[in-house]
Amino acid sequence: MDGIDDYMISTLLSIDIDSSVQEATMFMMANNIGSLLVKQFDEYVGIVTETELARKVLVKGLNGESIGIEEVMTSPFFQ
């Protein structure tokens, strides 16, 4: 039987806070992941998920090229 470590990656994948929603979505698809940490300089400042992208962008018919990831991410993502 497979262990959890067979499905985990050791590298944290993140995107820069200045990225667009479209860039984040393409990065998530390319890496087959459903959430992505958002980084500003050397600090993680937020997280964005597929659900947030769907609810805050797709359902509203907004253009992912012109919306910054900062507008849809959850921050702070830990307490």
N, C-alpha and C. Protein backbone atom coordinates (compact mmCIF):
# COMPACT_ATOMS: atom_id res chain seq x y z
N MET A 1 0.84 -1.18 0.00
CA MET A 1 0.00 0.00 0.00
C MET A 1 0.89 1.25 0.00
N ASP A 2 0.44 2.29 -0.70
CA ASP A 2 1.19 3.54 -0.78
C ASP A 2 1.14 4.29 0.54
N GLY A 3 2.24 4.93 0.88
CA GLY A 3 2.29 5.79 2.05
C GLY A 3 2.01 7.23 1.66
N ILE A 4 1.72 8.06 2.63
CA ILE A 4 1.43 9.48 2.36
C ILE A 4 2.60 10.16 1.67
N ASP A 5 3.82 9.74 2.00
CA ASP A 5 4.99 10.36 1.39
C ASP A 5 5.10 10.08 -0.11
N ASP A 6 4.35 9.10 -0.61
CA ASP A 6 4.32 8.84 -2.04
C ASP A 6 3.57 9.93 -2.79
N TYR A 7 2.79 10.72 -2.08
CA TYR A 7 1.96 11.75 -2.71
C TYR A 7 2.38 13.17 -2.34
N MET A 8 3.34 13.31 -1.47
CA MET A 8 3.78 14.63 -1.01
C MET A 8 5.01 15.08 -1.77
N ILE A 9 5.18 16.39 -1.83
CA ILE A 9 6.41 16.95 -2.35
C ILE A 9 7.11 17.70 -1.22
N SER A 10 8.41 17.74 -1.26
CA SER A 10 9.14 18.39 -0.17
C SER A 10 9.30 19.89 -0.40
N THR A 11 9.17 20.34 -1.63
CA THR A 11 9.32 21.75 -1.95
C THR A 11 7.98 22.46 -1.83
N LEU A 12 7.97 23.59 -1.14
CA LEU A 12 6.75 24.41 -1.08
C LEU A 12 6.65 25.22 -2.36
N LEU A 13 5.55 25.06 -3.05
CA LEU A 13 5.34 25.82 -4.27
C LEU A 13 4.65 27.13 -3.94
N SER A 14 5.13 28.21 -4.52
CA SER A 14 4.56 29.52 -4.23
C SER A 14 4.62 30.39 -5.47
N ILE A 15 3.88 31.48 -5.39
CA ILE A 15 3.86 32.45 -6.48
C ILE A 15 4.04 33.83 -5.87
N ASP A 16 4.62 34.72 -6.62
CA ASP A 16 4.86 36.08 -6.13
C ASP A 16 3.55 36.85 -6.02
N ILE A 17 3.47 37.70 -5.04
CA ILE A 17 2.27 38.49 -4.78
C ILE A 17 1.90 39.41 -5.95
N ASP A 18 2.84 39.73 -6.81
CA ASP A 18 2.58 40.59 -7.96
C ASP A 18 2.03 39.83 -9.17
N SER A 19 1.83 38.53 -9.03
CA SER A 19 1.34 37.71 -10.14
C SER A 19 -0.15 37.91 -10.36
N SER A 20 -0.58 37.60 -11.57
CA SER A 20 -2.01 37.68 -11.89
C SER A 20 -2.71 36.38 -11.53
N VAL A 21 -4.02 36.43 -11.48
CA VAL A 21 -4.83 35.24 -11.24
C VAL A 21 -4.57 34.21 -12.34
N GLN A 22 -4.44 34.67 -13.57
CA GLN A 22 -4.19 33.75 -14.67
C GLN A 22 -2.85 33.03 -14.49
N GLU A 23 -1.83 33.76 -14.10
CA GLU A 23 -0.52 33.14 -13.87
C GLU A 23 -0.60 32.09 -12.76
N ALA A 24 -1.30 32.41 -11.70
CA ALA A 24 -1.45 31.47 -10.59
C ALA A 24 -2.20 30.22 -11.03
N THR A 25 -3.27 30.41 -11.79
CA THR A 25 -4.06 29.28 -12.27
C THR A 25 -3.24 28.38 -13.18
N MET A 26 -2.49 28.97 -14.08
CA MET A 26 -1.65 28.18 -14.98
C MET A 26 -0.57 27.42 -14.22
N PHE A 27 0.02 28.06 -13.20
CA PHE A 27 1.04 27.42 -12.37
C PHE A 27 0.45 26.24 -11.60
N MET A 28 -0.76 26.43 -11.06
CA MET A 28 -1.42 25.35 -10.32
C MET A 28 -1.74 24.18 -11.24
N MET A 29 -2.22 24.47 -12.43
CA MET A 29 -2.53 23.40 -13.39
C MET A 29 -1.27 22.65 -13.80
N ALA A 30 -0.19 23.37 -14.07
CA ALA A 30 1.06 22.75 -14.51
C ALA A 30 1.65 21.84 -13.45
N ASN A 31 1.38 22.16 -12.18
CA ASN A 31 1.94 21.38 -11.08
C ASN A 31 0.91 20.45 -10.44
N ASN A 32 -0.30 20.41 -11.02
CA ASN A 32 -1.36 19.53 -10.54
C ASN A 32 -1.62 19.70 -9.04
N ILE A 33 -1.80 20.96 -8.64
CA ILE A 33 -2.07 21.28 -7.23
C ILE A 33 -3.33 22.12 -7.13
N GLY A 34 -3.95 22.10 -5.96
CA GLY A 34 -5.20 22.82 -5.76
C GLY A 34 -5.08 24.05 -4.90
N SER A 35 -3.89 24.31 -4.40
CA SER A 35 -3.67 25.52 -3.61
C SER A 35 -2.23 25.96 -3.78
N LEU A 36 -2.01 27.23 -3.48
CA LEU A 36 -0.70 27.81 -3.75
C LEU A 36 -0.40 28.89 -2.72
N LEU A 37 0.77 28.83 -2.15
CA LEU A 37 1.19 29.88 -1.22
C LEU A 37 1.57 31.14 -2.00
N VAL A 38 1.32 32.28 -1.41
CA VAL A 38 1.65 33.57 -2.02
C VAL A 38 2.79 34.17 -1.21
N LYS A 39 3.81 34.60 -1.92
CA LYS A 39 5.03 35.07 -1.28
C LYS A 39 5.31 36.53 -1.64
N GLN A 40 5.73 37.29 -0.63
CA GLN A 40 6.19 38.66 -0.85
C GLN A 40 7.59 38.75 -0.28
N PHE A 41 8.55 38.97 -1.16
CA PHE A 41 9.96 38.91 -0.79
C PHE A 41 10.26 37.51 -0.27
N ASP A 42 10.68 37.34 0.96
CA ASP A 42 10.99 36.02 1.50
C ASP A 42 9.96 35.54 2.51
N GLU A 43 8.79 36.13 2.50
CA GLU A 43 7.77 35.81 3.50
C GLU A 43 6.48 35.32 2.82
N TYR A 44 5.90 34.26 3.36
CA TYR A 44 4.61 33.78 2.88
C TYR A 44 3.53 34.67 3.50
N VAL A 45 2.74 35.29 2.64
CA VAL A 45 1.76 36.28 3.12
C VAL A 45 0.32 35.86 2.87
N GLY A 46 0.12 34.77 2.14
CA GLY A 46 -1.24 34.34 1.85
C GLY A 46 -1.27 33.00 1.17
N ILE A 47 -2.51 32.58 0.88
CA ILE A 47 -2.73 31.33 0.16
C ILE A 47 -3.92 31.53 -0.77
N VAL A 48 -3.87 30.88 -1.90
CA VAL A 48 -4.98 30.92 -2.84
C VAL A 48 -5.33 29.48 -3.20
N THR A 49 -6.62 29.20 -3.30
CA THR A 49 -7.09 27.86 -3.62
C THR A 49 -7.95 27.87 -4.88
N GLU A 50 -8.16 26.69 -5.43
CA GLU A 50 -9.04 26.56 -6.59
C GLU A 50 -10.43 27.10 -6.27
N THR A 51 -10.90 26.83 -5.07
CA THR A 51 -12.23 27.29 -4.68
C THR A 51 -12.31 28.81 -4.69
N GLU A 52 -11.31 29.47 -4.15
CA GLU A 52 -11.29 30.94 -4.16
C GLU A 52 -11.27 31.48 -5.59
N LEU A 53 -10.47 30.86 -6.44
CA LEU A 53 -10.41 31.31 -7.83
C LEU A 53 -11.76 31.15 -8.51
N ALA A 54 -12.43 30.04 -8.25
CA ALA A 54 -13.74 29.81 -8.86
C ALA A 54 -14.78 30.80 -8.33
N ARG A 55 -14.82 30.99 -7.02
CA ARG A 55 -15.84 31.85 -6.41
C ARG A 55 -15.60 33.34 -6.63
N LYS A 56 -14.36 33.75 -6.58
CA LYS A 56 -14.05 35.18 -6.63
C LYS A 56 -13.75 35.70 -8.02
N VAL A 57 -13.49 34.80 -8.98
CA VAL A 57 -13.12 35.24 -10.32
C VAL A 57 -14.04 34.61 -11.37
N LEU A 58 -14.03 33.31 -11.46
CA LEU A 58 -14.74 32.61 -12.52
C LEU A 58 -16.25 32.85 -12.49
N VAL A 59 -16.87 32.65 -11.34
CA VAL A 59 -18.32 32.81 -11.22
C VAL A 59 -18.76 34.23 -11.53
N LYS A 60 -17.93 35.19 -11.20
CA LYS A 60 -18.26 36.60 -11.46
C LYS A 60 -17.92 37.03 -12.88
N GLY A 61 -17.32 36.14 -13.66
CA GLY A 61 -16.98 36.45 -15.03
C GLY A 61 -15.87 37.47 -15.18
N LEU A 62 -14.98 37.54 -14.20
CA LEU A 62 -13.89 38.51 -14.23
C LEU A 62 -12.72 38.00 -15.08
N ASN A 63 -11.89 38.89 -15.52
CA ASN A 63 -10.74 38.57 -16.35
C ASN A 63 -9.52 38.27 -15.48
N GLY A 64 -9.07 37.03 -15.50
CA GLY A 64 -7.95 36.61 -14.68
C GLY A 64 -6.63 37.25 -15.04
N GLU A 65 -6.53 37.81 -16.25
CA GLU A 65 -5.29 38.47 -16.66
C GLU A 65 -5.13 39.82 -15.96
N SER A 66 -6.24 40.45 -15.64
CA SER A 66 -6.17 41.81 -15.10
C SER A 66 -6.35 41.87 -13.58
N ILE A 67 -6.57 40.74 -12.95
CA ILE A 67 -6.76 40.71 -11.49
C ILE A 67 -5.51 40.16 -10.83
N GLY A 68 -5.00 40.88 -9.86
CA GLY A 68 -3.83 40.42 -9.12
C GLY A 68 -4.20 39.36 -8.10
N ILE A 69 -3.29 38.45 -7.87
CA ILE A 69 -3.53 37.36 -6.92
C ILE A 69 -3.79 37.91 -5.52
N GLU A 70 -3.24 39.06 -5.21
CA GLU A 70 -3.43 39.68 -3.90
C GLU A 70 -4.91 39.98 -3.64
N GLU A 71 -5.68 40.22 -4.69
CA GLU A 71 -7.10 40.55 -4.55
C GLU A 71 -7.97 39.35 -4.17
N VAL A 72 -7.49 38.13 -4.42
CA VAL A 72 -8.31 36.95 -4.15
C VAL A 72 -7.73 36.01 -3.10
N MET A 73 -6.49 36.23 -2.71
CA MET A 73 -5.86 35.32 -1.74
C MET A 73 -6.45 35.52 -0.34
N THR A 74 -6.28 34.50 0.48
CA THR A 74 -6.64 34.58 1.88
C THR A 74 -5.39 34.96 2.67
N SER A 75 -5.53 35.99 3.49
CA SER A 75 -4.40 36.46 4.28
C SER A 75 -4.91 37.08 5.56
N PRO A 76 -4.33 36.81 6.69
CA PRO A 76 -3.27 35.82 6.89
C PRO A 76 -3.84 34.41 6.78
N PHE A 77 -3.01 33.47 6.41
CA PHE A 77 -3.49 32.12 6.21
C PHE A 77 -3.24 31.23 7.42
N PHE A 78 -2.65 31.76 8.46
CA PHE A 78 -2.50 31.03 9.72
C PHE A 78 -2.59 32.02 10.87
N GLN A 79 -2.95 31.54 12.01
CA GLN A 79 -3.11 32.39 13.19
C GLN A 79 -2.06 32.08 14.23
